[in-house]
Protein backbone atom coordinates (compact mmCIF):
# COMPACT_ATOMS: atom_id res chain seq x y z
CA MET A 1 29.94 -34.97 60.86
CA THR A 2 32.57 -37.68 60.99
CA MET A 3 31.64 -41.37 60.74
CA LEU A 4 32.87 -41.82 64.32
CA HIS A 5 30.57 -39.08 65.63
CA HIS A 6 27.64 -40.47 63.64
CA SER A 7 28.32 -43.95 65.05
CA LEU A 8 28.45 -42.61 68.61
CA ILE A 9 25.14 -40.73 68.16
CA VAL A 10 23.38 -43.80 66.71
CA THR A 11 24.76 -46.00 69.51
CA ALA A 12 23.63 -43.49 72.14
CA ALA A 13 20.14 -43.32 70.59
CA PHE A 14 19.78 -47.09 70.67
CA THR A 15 21.04 -47.17 74.26
CA LEU A 16 18.51 -44.54 75.35
CA ALA A 17 15.70 -46.40 73.56
CA ALA A 18 16.70 -49.65 75.24
CA CYS A 19 16.80 -47.96 78.67
CA SER A 20 13.35 -46.38 78.21
CA THR A 21 11.94 -49.71 77.05
CA MET A 22 13.14 -51.40 80.24
CA GLN A 23 11.56 -48.78 82.51
CA SER A 24 8.00 -49.20 83.77
CA PRO A 25 5.59 -46.91 81.91
CA VAL A 26 3.14 -46.86 84.85
CA ALA A 27 2.95 -43.48 86.56
CA PRO A 28 4.41 -43.49 90.11
CA GLY A 29 1.78 -44.43 92.68
CA ALA A 30 -0.84 -45.07 90.00
CA LYS A 31 -3.49 -47.69 90.77
CA PRO A 32 -5.91 -49.37 88.36
CA LYS A 33 -9.36 -47.74 88.31
CA ASP A 34 -12.41 -49.99 88.00
CA HIS A 35 -15.03 -48.38 85.75
CA GLY A 36 -17.50 -51.10 86.73
CA LYS A 37 -19.08 -54.11 85.11
CA ILE A 38 -20.14 -52.41 81.89
CA GLY A 39 -19.87 -55.35 79.53
CA ALA A 40 -16.21 -54.81 78.67
CA GLY A 41 -15.51 -58.38 77.67
CA GLU A 42 -13.07 -57.94 74.79
CA GLY A 43 -11.67 -55.89 71.95
CA PRO A 44 -10.94 -52.42 73.37
CA ALA A 45 -9.99 -49.83 70.75
CA TRP A 46 -9.54 -46.06 71.16
CA ARG A 47 -10.67 -43.52 68.58
CA ASP A 48 -11.48 -39.78 68.69
CA GLY A 49 -12.01 -39.53 72.43
CA SER A 50 -14.04 -42.73 72.78
CA LEU A 51 -13.31 -46.30 73.79
CA TYR A 52 -14.99 -49.14 71.90
CA PHE A 53 -15.32 -52.67 73.32
CA THR A 54 -17.46 -55.77 72.96
CA ASP A 55 -19.70 -57.63 75.40
CA GLY A 56 -20.11 -60.83 73.38
CA LYS A 57 -23.10 -59.52 71.43
CA HIS A 58 -22.53 -55.82 70.70
CA ILE A 59 -19.87 -53.24 70.10
CA ASN A 60 -20.24 -50.66 72.84
CA ARG A 61 -18.89 -47.11 72.88
CA MET A 62 -17.88 -45.22 76.01
CA GLY A 63 -17.82 -41.53 75.15
CA PRO A 64 -15.83 -38.67 76.69
CA ASP A 65 -18.64 -38.18 79.23
CA GLY A 66 -18.25 -41.75 80.49
CA ARG A 67 -21.65 -42.89 79.18
CA THR A 68 -21.80 -46.24 77.38
CA THR A 69 -24.05 -46.84 74.38
CA VAL A 70 -24.41 -49.61 71.79
CA PHE A 71 -22.46 -48.73 68.63
CA ARG A 72 -23.53 -51.75 66.54
CA ASN A 73 -24.61 -55.36 66.91
CA ASN A 74 -23.02 -58.78 66.29
CA ALA A 75 -19.26 -58.20 66.62
CA SER A 76 -17.99 -60.02 69.68
CA ASN A 77 -14.22 -59.90 69.89
CA GLY A 78 -11.14 -58.06 68.56
CA LEU A 79 -11.54 -54.48 67.31
CA LEU A 80 -9.13 -52.12 65.57
CA PHE A 81 -9.42 -48.87 63.61
CA ASP A 82 -7.56 -48.57 60.32
CA ARG A 83 -5.83 -45.40 59.15
CA GLU A 84 -9.00 -44.12 57.49
CA GLY A 85 -10.96 -44.49 60.73
CA HIS A 86 -12.96 -47.55 59.66
CA LEU A 87 -13.63 -50.09 62.40
CA ILE A 88 -12.27 -53.56 61.60
CA ALA A 89 -13.91 -56.26 63.73
CA CYS A 90 -13.69 -59.96 64.42
CA GLU A 91 -17.25 -61.29 64.54
CA SER A 92 -16.64 -64.61 66.27
CA GLY A 93 -20.28 -65.68 66.33
CA LEU A 94 -20.79 -65.00 62.63
CA ARG A 95 -17.35 -66.45 61.84
CA ARG A 96 -16.13 -63.50 59.82
CA VAL A 97 -14.03 -60.31 59.75
CA THR A 98 -15.75 -57.06 58.74
CA ARG A 99 -15.15 -53.38 58.14
CA THR A 100 -17.65 -50.80 59.37
CA ASP A 101 -17.35 -47.54 57.44
CA LYS A 102 -18.06 -44.14 58.97
CA ASP A 103 -21.47 -44.12 57.31
CA GLY A 104 -22.36 -47.42 58.98
CA ARG A 105 -21.97 -49.59 55.88
CA ILE A 106 -20.56 -53.03 56.69
CA THR A 107 -18.22 -54.88 54.32
CA VAL A 108 -17.33 -58.54 54.83
CA LEU A 109 -13.55 -58.79 54.43
CA ALA A 110 -13.26 -62.54 55.06
CA ASP A 111 -15.65 -65.32 56.03
CA ARG A 112 -14.13 -68.35 54.28
CA TYR A 113 -10.81 -69.92 53.41
CA LYS A 114 -10.86 -72.07 50.27
CA GLY A 115 -14.63 -72.34 50.57
CA LYS A 116 -14.60 -73.40 54.24
CA ARG A 117 -15.98 -71.24 57.04
CA PHE A 118 -13.63 -69.92 59.69
CA ASN A 119 -13.76 -71.26 63.26
CA SER A 120 -14.34 -68.02 65.17
CA PRO A 121 -12.10 -65.06 64.25
CA ASN A 122 -10.70 -63.70 67.50
CA ASP A 123 -8.23 -60.83 67.20
CA LEU A 124 -6.51 -58.78 64.52
CA CYS A 125 -3.78 -56.29 63.60
CA ILE A 126 -2.83 -54.21 60.56
CA ASP A 127 0.61 -53.70 59.01
CA SER A 128 1.98 -50.50 57.44
CA LYS A 129 0.68 -51.57 54.02
CA GLY A 130 -2.87 -51.90 55.31
CA ARG A 131 -2.90 -55.71 55.23
CA ILE A 132 -5.02 -57.26 57.99
CA TYR A 133 -3.83 -60.27 60.00
CA PHE A 134 -6.20 -62.22 62.24
CA THR A 135 -6.32 -65.31 64.43
CA ASP A 136 -8.93 -68.04 64.09
CA PRO A 137 -9.03 -70.34 67.16
CA ARG A 138 -11.93 -72.36 68.48
CA TYR A 139 -12.67 -72.26 72.20
CA GLY A 140 -15.46 -74.41 73.56
CA PRO A 141 -17.34 -77.00 71.45
CA ARG A 142 -15.40 -78.00 68.35
CA ASP A 143 -18.27 -79.22 66.23
CA GLY A 144 -18.79 -77.22 63.07
CA MET A 145 -15.08 -76.63 62.44
CA GLU A 146 -14.50 -76.93 58.69
CA ILE A 147 -10.90 -76.01 57.84
CA ARG A 148 -8.50 -78.96 57.83
CA ASP A 149 -4.82 -79.39 56.99
CA THR A 150 -4.75 -80.99 53.54
CA ARG A 151 -0.98 -81.45 53.86
CA ASP A 152 -1.45 -83.85 56.80
CA ILE A 153 0.31 -87.21 56.68
CA ASN A 154 -2.98 -89.02 57.28
CA PRO A 155 -5.30 -87.90 54.44
CA PHE A 156 -8.22 -89.84 55.95
CA CYS A 157 -8.15 -87.80 59.18
CA PRO A 158 -6.42 -84.44 58.60
CA ARG A 159 -5.95 -82.12 61.54
CA LEU A 160 -8.30 -79.24 62.16
CA ILE A 161 -6.63 -75.89 61.61
CA GLU A 162 -6.66 -73.10 64.19
CA GLY A 163 -4.59 -70.69 62.17
CA VAL A 164 -3.40 -67.17 61.50
CA TYR A 165 -4.48 -65.51 58.25
CA ARG A 166 -3.67 -62.41 56.21
CA ILE A 167 -6.28 -60.41 54.27
CA ASP A 168 -4.78 -58.58 51.27
CA ALA A 169 -8.15 -57.43 49.93
CA PRO A 170 -11.80 -58.36 50.60
CA GLY A 171 -12.06 -62.11 50.01
CA LYS A 172 -8.34 -62.54 49.30
CA VAL A 173 -7.10 -64.55 52.29
CA THR A 174 -3.82 -66.41 52.90
CA LEU A 175 -3.03 -68.87 55.70
CA ILE A 176 0.36 -67.86 57.17
CA LEU A 177 0.53 -70.00 60.35
CA GLY A 178 -1.07 -73.38 61.01
CA PRO A 179 -0.49 -76.70 62.81
CA GLY A 180 3.11 -77.05 63.89
CA ASP A 181 3.49 -73.27 64.19
CA VAL A 182 0.74 -72.47 66.71
CA GLU A 183 -1.75 -74.48 68.79
CA ARG A 184 -4.56 -72.00 69.48
CA PRO A 185 -3.69 -68.46 68.38
CA ASN A 186 -5.49 -65.64 70.17
CA GLY A 187 -3.99 -62.14 70.46
CA ILE A 188 -1.91 -60.79 67.59
CA LEU A 189 0.15 -57.72 66.72
CA ILE A 190 2.83 -56.59 64.29
CA SER A 191 5.76 -54.39 65.29
CA PRO A 192 5.63 -50.89 63.73
CA ASP A 193 8.46 -51.71 61.32
CA ASP A 194 6.58 -54.82 60.06
CA ARG A 195 9.53 -56.94 61.14
CA TYR A 196 7.95 -59.10 63.83
CA LEU A 197 4.62 -60.86 64.23
CA TYR A 198 3.61 -61.59 67.85
CA ILE A 199 1.06 -64.30 68.65
CA CYS A 200 -0.62 -65.13 71.97
CA ASP A 201 -0.75 -68.93 71.70
CA ASN A 202 -3.33 -69.77 74.37
CA ASN A 203 -4.45 -73.42 74.38
CA ASN A 204 -5.84 -73.00 77.88
CA ASN A 205 -8.44 -75.76 78.12
CA ASN A 206 -6.06 -78.66 77.60
CA HIS A 207 -3.52 -80.02 80.07
CA GLY A 208 -0.04 -79.19 78.80
CA GLY A 209 -1.34 -76.87 76.12
CA SER A 210 0.65 -73.84 75.00
CA ARG A 211 0.28 -70.66 77.09
CA ARG A 212 3.03 -68.73 75.38
CA LEU A 213 3.74 -65.43 73.70
CA LEU A 214 5.44 -66.25 70.39
CA ARG A 215 7.38 -64.08 67.97
CA PHE A 216 7.94 -64.71 64.26
CA THR A 217 9.93 -62.73 61.68
CA LEU A 218 7.98 -61.45 58.68
CA GLY A 219 9.15 -61.06 55.11
CA GLU A 220 8.30 -58.11 52.87
CA ASN A 221 5.52 -60.15 51.26
CA GLY A 222 3.73 -60.47 54.60
CA GLY A 223 4.62 -64.14 55.07
CA VAL A 224 6.40 -65.71 58.03
CA LYS A 225 10.05 -66.58 57.52
CA PRO A 226 10.64 -70.33 58.21
CA GLY A 227 12.52 -71.21 61.37
CA THR A 228 12.00 -67.86 63.10
CA ARG A 229 9.56 -68.98 65.82
CA LYS A 230 10.69 -67.83 69.26
CA VAL A 231 9.04 -68.11 72.69
CA ILE A 232 9.04 -64.65 74.31
CA PHE A 233 7.20 -65.44 77.58
CA ASP A 234 5.58 -68.56 79.04
CA TRP A 235 2.64 -68.62 81.46
CA LYS A 236 3.28 -72.36 82.00
CA ASP A 237 0.26 -74.07 83.65
CA SER A 238 -1.69 -70.87 84.35
CA ARG A 239 -4.04 -69.00 82.01
CA GLY A 240 -2.07 -67.89 79.01
CA PRO A 241 -1.88 -64.61 77.09
CA ASP A 242 -5.01 -63.24 75.44
CA GLY A 243 -4.87 -59.78 73.82
CA MET A 244 -1.96 -57.35 73.60
CA LYS A 245 -0.71 -53.97 72.39
CA MET A 246 2.70 -52.30 71.89
CA ASP A 247 3.69 -48.73 72.73
CA ALA A 248 6.08 -46.40 70.90
CA ALA A 249 9.03 -47.60 72.97
CA GLY A 250 8.39 -51.21 71.96
CA ARG A 251 7.00 -52.39 75.29
CA LEU A 252 4.39 -55.13 75.10
CA TYR A 253 1.18 -54.97 77.15
CA VAL A 254 -0.24 -58.49 77.43
CA ALA A 255 -3.52 -59.40 79.15
CA GLY A 256 -3.45 -62.82 80.81
CA GLY A 257 -3.39 -64.81 84.03
CA LEU A 258 -6.06 -66.08 86.40
CA ASN A 259 -7.35 -65.34 89.92
CA LYS A 260 -9.35 -68.53 90.46
CA ALA A 261 -7.93 -71.92 89.47
CA ASN A 262 -9.90 -74.43 87.41
CA GLU A 263 -9.44 -77.93 86.01
CA PHE A 264 -6.91 -76.81 83.41
CA GLU A 265 -5.36 -73.64 84.84
CA THR A 266 -3.54 -72.63 88.01
CA THR A 267 -3.11 -69.20 89.58
CA ARG A 268 0.66 -69.21 89.14
CA PHE A 269 0.20 -66.02 87.09
CA ARG A 270 -2.48 -63.65 88.40
CA ALA A 271 -5.04 -61.89 86.21
CA GLY A 272 -3.91 -58.56 84.83
CA CYS A 273 -1.68 -56.87 82.29
CA TYR A 274 1.91 -58.06 81.94
CA ILE A 275 4.25 -55.37 80.64
CA LEU A 276 7.18 -56.93 78.81
CA SER A 277 10.24 -55.73 76.94
CA PRO A 278 10.38 -56.61 73.20
CA HIS A 279 12.49 -59.62 74.18
CA GLY A 280 10.12 -60.87 76.91
CA LYS A 281 11.61 -59.49 80.13
CA LEU A 282 8.88 -58.71 82.70
CA ILE A 283 8.96 -54.97 83.43
CA ASP A 284 5.79 -54.48 85.46
CA PHE A 285 2.42 -56.05 86.26
CA ILE A 286 -1.00 -54.39 86.64
CA PRO A 287 -3.48 -56.58 88.58
CA THR A 288 -7.17 -56.64 87.66
CA ALA A 289 -10.33 -58.26 88.98
CA PRO A 290 -12.56 -60.13 89.16
CA ASP A 291 -10.78 -62.48 86.78
CA GLU A 292 -9.51 -63.33 83.29
CA ALA A 293 -7.93 -60.19 81.86
CA THR A 294 -8.76 -60.50 78.16
CA ASN A 295 -7.37 -57.52 76.26
CA CYS A 296 -6.08 -53.97 76.46
CA ALA A 297 -5.76 -50.71 74.54
CA LEU A 298 -3.69 -47.54 74.72
CA GLY A 299 -5.55 -44.25 74.55
CA GLY A 300 -7.04 -41.55 76.73
CA ALA A 301 -7.41 -37.83 76.18
CA ASP A 302 -3.65 -37.32 76.48
CA ARG A 303 -2.75 -40.70 74.94
CA LYS A 304 -1.32 -41.73 78.29
CA ALA A 305 -3.78 -44.30 79.58
CA LEU A 306 -3.99 -48.06 79.44
CA PHE A 307 -7.44 -49.67 79.31
CA ILE A 308 -7.90 -53.33 80.28
CA THR A 309 -10.95 -55.57 79.92
CA SER A 310 -11.25 -58.14 82.70
CA GLY A 311 -14.24 -60.21 83.79
CA GLY A 312 -16.70 -57.84 82.12
CA HIS A 313 -15.17 -54.89 83.97
CA LEU A 314 -13.24 -52.03 82.36
CA TRP A 315 -10.06 -50.91 84.08
CA SER A 316 -7.76 -47.99 83.36
CA VAL A 317 -4.38 -46.89 84.67
CA PRO A 318 -2.42 -43.69 83.87
CA LEU A 319 0.95 -44.05 82.18
CA LYS A 320 4.01 -41.83 82.21
């Protein structure tokens, strides 16, 4: 094969990938299905024919027959299975990140940073090396927050940190994003090639707070490269992005928006799942109800379904 032919084939492959990324993945005529108010508040994750999600107190499992049972207690937010099939969970109430093995044994992966307790771990992702990244915001009352920025100009009143951390091994935790990088990090994911780190920066209970999807470039050591912060999409004065996933074509599925305005948020962006290109172009939108779409997961028997948690309800929509 000549270099010219090779170049043409590579160019054509990239062009086809770009075209498929810009097309809506939603099946023609498909409408979201409401599976009811079954306590699907957060953290959907698909594994072996079942969908796992949290209701604020428990991890629930919806099996292939559609029945929902309690899988385990305490975990209340982001969920993700690692390559070995262990369930990694953000336990916001207990302020820690854990791993539940197949035999039910629970290992605490992180509950402190430099001796200080986390705020309320929210969501997580895993890179190709098995390193776990998680966000640690604080929504609601801010008493009890312990982690402060020791680099702050005013040493007598350092800023509280709502950061993004990386777990290299149980108890080995590194802060990779803090004040100045993010305001209130929520959803998080890493592109399959480990190149980009996406953060849902959702400071939604402050006027003028960030409601943006951010992208950072990662180095091989798992740290963020300085000066690479980029705004991918902005929900402006509405409810910002919460949880998200990425499909094989690189499309982003981001839960966000609001159906009923409040003191801090408008309905400029409705509640549902926003499907974006890797560069932030809006491809499609899947509306949900009653309100506050919180997270999503890809799965289904044929791996062609999108599940969305919204207002305690579970929604699903078939994909192409």
